[in-house]
Amino acid sequence: MRLIVEEGYSPAENMARDEALFQAFRERGEPVWRIYAWDRPAATFGRLQPYPGKMRFAVVRRLTGGGIVPHGADLTYCVVRERRRGRENYRSIIEPLAEALRTLGIGCEVWEEEEKGAAGRCFASLAPFDIHVGGRKLAGCAQYRTRNAVMHHGSVANSVPPAELAPLDVWDAGSSITIEEALNRRLTPDDFAGAVGQVFTSLQTEIKRGDMTKFEERTADGLIDKYSSDAWNEKALWEP
């Protein structure tokens, strides 16, 4: 499994790089985790959601589903791998992720019950396969699947979202928790990647740290305009 750690990309670039990995998987068939941060506050929202409107910050539609997610103070990750059966598509990613967070000292669990809270607002609700601490959400996720592959997006709350994202009304301090609150410190993407790599190594998975390939970089460059465009961001994909 490849493990890529990156920082400093724009919202459109991050989504483009994730889709480039998904496209490349069809050629290489090699699973990959990309762990990254953002160069500015932003929000992403699911492929089936209505457009939330223009803001003073970037609001970008994801290829995956799920609700609206604040970025800029979180640890974001994208997993691309072969499709499995049913809930195993989530379980095989989320359970190792929860274990990685436990190795860092966070007493978290995987939510197994029905969704509760404000649907469509990622960090104001709990859904199956979210990660929580005592019923307070720490991490959420969403997927996009084709016949043979799955793209999985996830966000782990590292600290409280930037104040400029407040108009989105997507954070509820009473029902969410951050790594900073749980550990009295924030994690770097490298801290997070190290814990993830340690867990998968214990599961006898070979980990290869590295960068995106030249093909993936070129593909990502060609997708940036898509994720910057009104045509992509303003039209929900279920509309005719």
Protein backbone atom coordinates (compact mmCIF):
# COMPACT_ATOMS: atom_id res chain seq x y z
CA MET A 1 0.00 0.00 0.00
CA ARG A 2 1.30 3.45 -0.90
CA LEU A 3 1.19 6.14 1.78
CA ILE A 4 1.39 9.73 0.52
CA VAL A 5 1.63 12.72 2.88
CA GLU A 6 1.14 16.23 1.46
CA GLU A 7 0.56 19.79 2.63
CA GLY A 8 -0.04 23.17 1.06
CA TYR A 9 -2.49 22.52 -1.77
CA SER A 10 -5.59 24.55 -2.58
CA PRO A 11 -9.13 23.11 -2.24
CA ALA A 12 -9.50 22.48 -5.99
CA GLU A 13 -6.01 20.98 -6.16
CA ASN A 14 -6.72 18.61 -3.27
CA MET A 15 -9.88 17.27 -4.90
CA ALA A 16 -8.09 17.01 -8.26
CA ARG A 17 -5.22 15.05 -6.70
CA ASP A 18 -7.62 12.63 -5.05
CA GLU A 19 -9.47 11.97 -8.30
CA ALA A 20 -6.15 11.51 -10.11
CA LEU A 21 -5.28 8.71 -7.67
CA PHE A 22 -8.68 7.16 -8.33
CA GLN A 23 -8.17 7.27 -12.09
CA ALA A 24 -4.65 5.85 -11.79
CA PHE A 25 -5.87 2.95 -9.64
CA ARG A 26 -7.64 1.52 -12.67
CA GLU A 27 -4.26 1.26 -14.40
CA ARG A 28 -2.04 0.17 -11.49
CA GLY A 29 -4.42 -1.54 -9.08
CA GLU A 30 -2.28 -0.44 -6.12
CA PRO A 31 -4.16 0.76 -3.01
CA VAL A 32 -3.15 4.15 -1.69
CA TRP A 33 -3.72 6.38 1.34
CA ARG A 34 -3.20 10.10 0.79
CA ILE A 35 -3.08 12.17 4.00
CA TYR A 36 -3.08 15.94 3.60
CA ALA A 37 -3.72 19.42 4.97
CA TRP A 38 -5.14 22.54 3.30
CA ASP A 39 -3.46 25.81 2.37
CA ARG A 40 -6.55 27.83 3.41
CA PRO A 41 -9.94 27.42 5.11
CA ALA A 42 -12.46 25.74 2.81
CA ALA A 43 -15.41 23.39 2.73
CA THR A 44 -16.28 20.38 0.61
CA PHE A 45 -19.70 18.86 0.08
CA GLY A 46 -21.00 15.58 -1.34
CA ARG A 47 -21.70 14.79 -4.97
CA LEU A 48 -25.46 14.50 -4.37
CA GLN A 49 -25.92 17.58 -2.21
CA PRO A 50 -27.37 20.90 -3.42
CA TYR A 51 -24.86 23.70 -3.80
CA PRO A 52 -24.67 25.69 -0.52
CA GLY A 53 -23.95 28.96 -2.32
CA LYS A 54 -20.94 31.18 -2.86
CA MET A 55 -18.94 32.10 0.23
CA ARG A 56 -15.87 34.20 1.00
CA PHE A 57 -13.95 30.92 1.04
CA ALA A 58 -13.81 28.04 -1.44
CA VAL A 59 -16.71 25.58 -1.40
CA VAL A 60 -15.91 22.56 -3.57
CA ARG A 61 -18.01 19.54 -4.53
CA ARG A 62 -16.37 16.19 -3.78
CA LEU A 63 -16.57 13.14 -6.01
CA THR A 64 -17.64 11.20 -2.91
CA GLY A 65 -20.98 11.53 -1.12
CA GLY A 66 -21.75 12.70 2.40
CA GLY A 67 -22.42 16.07 3.98
CA ILE A 68 -20.65 19.41 4.08
CA VAL A 69 -17.26 19.30 5.81
CA PRO A 70 -15.12 22.20 7.11
CA HIS A 71 -11.41 22.08 6.28
CA GLY A 72 -8.39 24.00 7.41
CA ALA A 73 -8.12 22.60 10.94
CA ASP A 74 -8.62 18.92 10.15
CA LEU A 75 -6.53 15.99 8.98
CA THR A 76 -8.01 14.89 5.67
CA TYR A 77 -7.34 11.55 4.01
CA CYS A 78 -8.31 9.80 0.80
CA VAL A 79 -8.15 6.04 0.32
CA VAL A 80 -8.34 4.43 -3.11
CA ARG A 81 -8.54 0.65 -3.26
CA GLU A 82 -10.43 -2.32 -4.69
CA ARG A 83 -14.13 -2.51 -3.99
CA ARG A 84 -15.28 -5.03 -1.39
CA ARG A 85 -18.68 -6.39 -0.42
CA GLY A 86 -21.20 -4.24 1.40
CA ARG A 87 -20.14 -2.63 4.65
CA GLU A 88 -16.68 -4.13 4.39
CA ASN A 89 -15.89 -1.21 2.07
CA TYR A 90 -16.10 1.01 5.15
CA ARG A 91 -15.13 -1.37 7.92
CA SER A 92 -11.77 -2.36 6.37
CA ILE A 93 -10.72 1.32 6.37
CA ILE A 94 -12.38 2.71 9.49
CA GLU A 95 -11.39 0.02 11.97
CA PRO A 96 -7.62 0.39 11.23
CA LEU A 97 -8.07 4.17 11.35
CA ALA A 98 -9.72 3.99 14.78
CA GLU A 99 -6.91 1.73 15.98
CA ALA A 100 -4.33 4.22 14.70
CA LEU A 101 -6.01 6.97 16.74
CA ARG A 102 -6.01 4.71 19.81
CA THR A 103 -2.25 4.18 19.47
CA LEU A 104 -1.93 7.95 19.77
CA GLY A 105 -3.84 7.89 23.06
CA ILE A 106 -7.41 8.68 21.95
CA GLY A 107 -10.07 6.42 23.44
CA CYS A 108 -12.31 6.30 20.39
CA GLU A 109 -14.84 3.85 18.98
CA VAL A 110 -16.65 3.25 15.67
CA TRP A 111 -20.29 4.36 15.64
CA GLU A 112 -22.49 1.34 14.81
CA GLU A 113 -25.98 2.76 15.42
CA GLU A 114 -28.45 4.70 13.28
CA GLU A 115 -27.61 8.21 12.12
CA LYS A 116 -28.48 10.96 14.57
CA GLY A 117 -28.12 14.73 14.59
CA ALA A 118 -28.25 17.22 11.74
CA ALA A 119 -28.11 15.17 8.53
CA GLY A 120 -25.94 16.75 5.84
CA ARG A 121 -23.81 18.65 8.37
CA CYS A 122 -20.89 16.31 8.88
CA PHE A 123 -19.65 17.48 12.29
CA ALA A 124 -23.12 18.07 13.69
CA SER A 125 -24.26 14.46 13.24
CA LEU A 126 -23.18 10.86 13.82
CA ALA A 127 -23.60 8.22 11.10
CA PRO A 128 -22.53 4.56 10.86
CA PHE A 129 -18.73 4.21 10.63
CA ASP A 130 -18.05 7.64 12.06
CA ILE A 131 -15.42 7.62 14.81
CA HIS A 132 -16.47 9.06 18.17
CA VAL A 133 -15.31 9.58 21.73
CA GLY A 134 -18.13 9.00 24.20
CA GLY A 135 -20.74 9.88 21.60
CA ARG A 136 -18.93 13.01 20.37
CA LYS A 137 -17.85 12.82 16.75
CA LEU A 138 -14.12 12.90 15.93
CA ALA A 139 -14.07 11.73 12.30
CA GLY A 140 -16.49 11.32 9.43
CA CYS A 141 -16.27 9.70 6.00
CA ALA A 142 -17.97 9.18 2.65
CA GLN A 143 -17.37 7.05 -0.46
CA TYR A 144 -17.74 6.86 -4.21
CA ARG A 145 -17.75 3.41 -5.79
CA THR A 146 -17.47 1.99 -9.26
CA ARG A 147 -17.75 -1.66 -10.18
CA ASN A 148 -14.23 -2.55 -9.06
CA ALA A 149 -12.90 0.41 -7.08
CA VAL A 150 -13.77 2.66 -4.18
CA MET A 151 -12.69 6.19 -3.29
CA HIS A 152 -13.05 6.94 0.42
CA HIS A 153 -12.80 10.47 1.83
CA GLY A 154 -12.41 11.11 5.54
CA SER A 155 -11.88 14.07 7.86
CA VAL A 156 -10.48 13.87 11.39
CA ALA A 157 -11.08 16.98 13.52
CA ASN A 158 -7.63 18.14 14.61
CA SER A 159 -8.85 21.41 16.15
CA VAL A 160 -11.95 23.62 15.97
CA PRO A 161 -12.65 24.82 12.38
CA PRO A 162 -11.45 28.34 11.47
CA ALA A 163 -13.80 31.13 12.52
CA GLU A 164 -14.42 32.23 8.91
CA LEU A 165 -16.25 28.93 8.26
CA ALA A 166 -18.88 29.72 10.93
CA PRO A 167 -21.53 30.82 8.34
CA LEU A 168 -21.76 27.18 7.21
CA ASP A 169 -23.13 26.16 10.63
CA VAL A 170 -21.49 22.74 10.29
CA TRP A 171 -19.76 22.45 13.67
CA ASP A 172 -21.46 21.63 16.96
CA ALA A 173 -19.01 21.75 19.88
CA GLY A 174 -21.41 19.77 22.07
CA SER A 175 -21.59 16.80 19.71
CA SER A 176 -18.05 16.93 18.28
CA ILE A 177 -14.56 16.58 19.75
CA THR A 178 -11.11 17.42 18.40
CA ILE A 179 -7.72 15.76 18.71
CA GLU A 180 -6.50 18.91 20.39
CA GLU A 181 -9.17 18.57 23.08
CA ALA A 182 -8.50 14.86 23.55
CA LEU A 183 -4.69 15.06 23.64
CA ASN A 184 -3.99 18.72 24.51
CA ARG A 185 -2.05 18.99 21.26
CA ARG A 186 -2.61 18.87 17.52
CA LEU A 187 -1.20 16.20 15.22
CA THR A 188 0.81 16.89 12.09
CA PRO A 189 -0.01 14.97 8.91
CA ASP A 190 3.24 13.04 9.50
CA ASP A 191 2.13 12.09 13.04
CA PHE A 192 -1.15 10.82 11.64
CA ALA A 193 0.51 8.96 8.75
CA GLY A 194 2.98 7.31 11.12
CA ALA A 195 0.17 5.91 13.26
CA VAL A 196 -1.77 4.68 10.21
CA GLY A 197 1.35 3.05 8.77
CA GLN A 198 2.12 1.36 12.09
CA VAL A 199 -1.33 -0.24 12.25
CA PHE A 200 -1.24 -1.53 8.67
CA THR A 201 2.27 -2.88 9.18
CA SER A 202 0.95 -4.83 12.18
CA LEU A 203 -1.71 -6.25 9.84
CA GLN A 204 1.07 -7.55 7.56
CA THR A 205 0.48 -4.89 4.91
CA GLU A 206 3.61 -3.58 3.21
CA ILE A 207 3.75 0.22 3.42
CA LYS A 208 5.57 2.29 0.80
CA ARG A 209 5.94 5.99 1.63
CA GLY A 210 6.29 8.16 -1.46
CA ASP A 211 4.90 10.79 -3.78
CA MET A 212 2.36 10.79 -6.56
CA THR A 213 3.64 9.50 -9.90
CA LYS A 214 4.26 11.78 -12.87
CA PHE A 215 1.14 10.34 -14.52
CA GLU A 216 -0.93 11.14 -11.43
CA GLU A 217 0.51 14.65 -11.25
CA ARG A 218 -0.35 15.31 -14.90
CA THR A 219 -3.85 13.91 -14.40
CA ALA A 220 -4.36 16.11 -11.34
CA ASP A 221 -3.20 19.20 -13.22
CA GLY A 222 -5.83 18.48 -15.86
CA LEU A 223 -8.60 18.21 -13.23
CA ILE A 224 -8.01 21.46 -11.33
CA ASP A 225 -10.21 23.51 -13.67
CA LYS A 226 -13.05 21.01 -13.14
CA TYR A 227 -13.05 21.48 -9.37
CA SER A 228 -12.73 25.25 -9.77
CA SER A 229 -15.70 25.50 -12.14
CA ASP A 230 -19.28 26.54 -11.44
CA ALA A 231 -20.42 23.77 -13.79
CA TRP A 232 -19.08 21.14 -11.37
CA ASN A 233 -19.71 22.84 -8.05
CA GLU A 234 -23.19 24.29 -8.56
CA LYS A 235 -25.00 21.32 -10.11
CA ALA A 236 -25.78 18.27 -8.00
CA LEU A 237 -24.98 15.11 -9.95
CA TRP A 238 -28.46 13.66 -9.51
CA GLU A 239 -30.01 16.53 -11.44
CA PRO A 240 -30.87 15.94 -15.13
